[in-house]
Structure formats: C-alpha cells, structure tokens
Amino acid sequence: MKTLVSLFVVSVALFLAGCNTVKGVGQDVQKVGEKIEDTAKKNK
C-alpha cells in the first residue's frame, strides 16, 4: 500500500511540474509574438 501511495504522489508531482513547464513555454512564445508584432508595426 505504501508503494502505491508513493507512486501516486510522485506521479502527481511530475504532472504538476509538467504543467508549469508548458505554461512557462506558452508565456515565452506569447512574449516573442508580441515583440514581432511590435517590430512589424514600427516598420510599417
């Protein structure tokens, strides 16, 4: 039973860490897109 609970806790921790990583990448991509859009507006 302890092994099953430990496995569950580790799985949840990895899942949450993965979500934070994906969220961070999404924010970075959004910032890059905004910079490209700003540059395009300046060059018009």
N, C-alpha and C. Protein backbone atom coordinates (compact mmCIF):
# COMPACT_ATOMS: atom_id res chain seq x y z
N MET A 1 0.82 -1.20 0.00
CA MET A 1 0.00 0.00 0.00
C MET A 1 0.87 1.26 0.00
N LYS A 2 1.95 1.24 0.80
CA LYS A 2 2.85 2.40 0.83
C LYS A 2 3.45 2.67 -0.54
N THR A 3 3.78 1.60 -1.25
CA THR A 3 4.37 1.75 -2.58
C THR A 3 3.38 2.41 -3.53
N LEU A 4 2.13 2.01 -3.47
CA LEU A 4 1.10 2.57 -4.33
C LEU A 4 0.88 4.05 -4.03
N VAL A 5 0.83 4.42 -2.77
CA VAL A 5 0.66 5.81 -2.38
C VAL A 5 1.87 6.63 -2.82
N SER A 6 3.05 6.11 -2.63
CA SER A 6 4.28 6.81 -3.04
C SER A 6 4.30 7.03 -4.54
N LEU A 7 3.93 6.01 -5.29
CA LEU A 7 3.88 6.12 -6.75
C LEU A 7 2.87 7.18 -7.18
N PHE A 8 1.73 7.22 -6.52
CA PHE A 8 0.70 8.22 -6.83
C PHE A 8 1.21 9.63 -6.55
N VAL A 9 1.84 9.83 -5.41
CA VAL A 9 2.36 11.15 -5.04
C VAL A 9 3.42 11.60 -6.03
N VAL A 10 4.31 10.74 -6.42
CA VAL A 10 5.36 11.08 -7.40
C VAL A 10 4.73 11.41 -8.75
N SER A 11 3.74 10.66 -9.15
CA SER A 11 3.06 10.90 -10.43
C SER A 11 2.38 12.27 -10.44
N VAL A 12 1.71 12.61 -9.36
CA VAL A 12 1.04 13.91 -9.27
C VAL A 12 2.06 15.04 -9.30
N ALA A 13 3.17 14.87 -8.59
CA ALA A 13 4.21 15.90 -8.57
C ALA A 13 4.79 16.11 -9.96
N LEU A 14 5.06 15.04 -10.67
CA LEU A 14 5.60 15.16 -12.04
C LEU A 14 4.58 15.81 -12.98
N PHE A 15 3.33 15.46 -12.83
CA PHE A 15 2.28 16.05 -13.66
C PHE A 15 2.20 17.56 -13.43
N LEU A 16 2.22 17.97 -12.18
CA LEU A 16 2.13 19.40 -11.87
C LEU A 16 3.37 20.15 -12.36
N ALA A 17 4.53 19.55 -12.25
CA ALA A 17 5.76 20.18 -12.74
C ALA A 17 5.68 20.32 -14.25
N GLY A 18 5.15 19.34 -14.93
CA GLY A 18 5.00 19.40 -16.39
C GLY A 18 4.05 20.50 -16.81
N CYS A 19 2.97 20.69 -16.07
CA CYS A 19 2.01 21.75 -16.39
C CYS A 19 2.65 23.13 -16.26
N ASN A 20 3.43 23.31 -15.23
CA ASN A 20 4.09 24.60 -15.04
C ASN A 20 5.08 24.86 -16.16
N THR A 21 5.77 23.83 -16.60
CA THR A 21 6.74 23.99 -17.69
C THR A 21 6.04 24.38 -18.97
N VAL A 22 4.95 23.70 -19.31
CA VAL A 22 4.20 24.01 -20.53
C VAL A 22 3.63 25.42 -20.45
N LYS A 23 3.15 25.81 -19.29
CA LYS A 23 2.61 27.16 -19.13
C LYS A 23 3.71 28.20 -19.35
N GLY A 24 4.89 27.95 -18.82
CA GLY A 24 6.01 28.87 -18.99
C GLY A 24 6.42 29.00 -20.45
N VAL A 25 6.45 27.89 -21.16
CA VAL A 25 6.79 27.93 -22.58
C VAL A 25 5.74 28.72 -23.34
N GLY A 26 4.49 28.53 -23.02
CA GLY A 26 3.42 29.28 -23.67
C GLY A 26 3.54 30.78 -23.45
N GLN A 27 3.91 31.17 -22.26
CA GLN A 27 4.10 32.59 -21.97
C GLN A 27 5.29 33.14 -22.75
N ASP A 28 6.37 32.37 -22.85
CA ASP A 28 7.54 32.82 -23.60
C ASP A 28 7.21 33.01 -25.08
N VAL A 29 6.47 32.07 -25.64
CA VAL A 29 6.09 32.16 -27.05
C VAL A 29 5.19 33.38 -27.27
N GLN A 30 4.32 33.64 -26.33
CA GLN A 30 3.43 34.81 -26.44
C GLN A 30 4.25 36.10 -26.43
N LYS A 31 5.24 36.18 -25.56
CA LYS A 31 6.08 37.39 -25.49
C LYS A 31 6.86 37.59 -26.79
N VAL A 32 7.37 36.51 -27.36
CA VAL A 32 8.09 36.61 -28.63
C VAL A 32 7.15 37.11 -29.72
N GLY A 33 5.94 36.58 -29.74
CA GLY A 33 4.95 37.03 -30.72
C GLY A 33 4.64 38.51 -30.58
N GLU A 34 4.54 38.98 -29.36
CA GLU A 34 4.27 40.41 -29.13
C GLU A 34 5.42 41.26 -29.63
N LYS A 35 6.67 40.82 -29.42
CA LYS A 35 7.83 41.58 -29.88
C LYS A 35 7.86 41.64 -31.41
N ILE A 36 7.53 40.54 -32.05
CA ILE A 36 7.50 40.51 -33.52
C ILE A 36 6.41 41.44 -34.03
N GLU A 37 5.27 41.41 -33.37
CA GLU A 37 4.16 42.31 -33.77
C GLU A 37 4.56 43.77 -33.59
N ASP A 38 5.20 44.10 -32.49
CA ASP A 38 5.65 45.48 -32.26
C ASP A 38 6.65 45.92 -33.33
N THR A 39 7.57 45.04 -33.68
CA THR A 39 8.57 45.36 -34.71
C THR A 39 7.90 45.58 -36.05
N ALA A 40 6.92 44.76 -36.38
CA ALA A 40 6.22 44.90 -37.65
C ALA A 40 5.46 46.23 -37.72
N LYS A 41 4.88 46.64 -36.60
CA LYS A 41 4.15 47.92 -36.58
C LYS A 41 5.10 49.09 -36.75
N LYS A 42 6.30 49.00 -36.18
CA LYS A 42 7.28 50.09 -36.29
C LYS A 42 7.82 50.21 -37.72
N ASN A 43 7.90 49.10 -38.44
CA ASN A 43 8.47 49.10 -39.78
C ASN A 43 7.45 49.44 -40.87
N LYS A 44 6.21 49.66 -40.51
CA LYS A 44 5.17 49.96 -41.49
C LYS A 44 5.35 51.29 -42.11
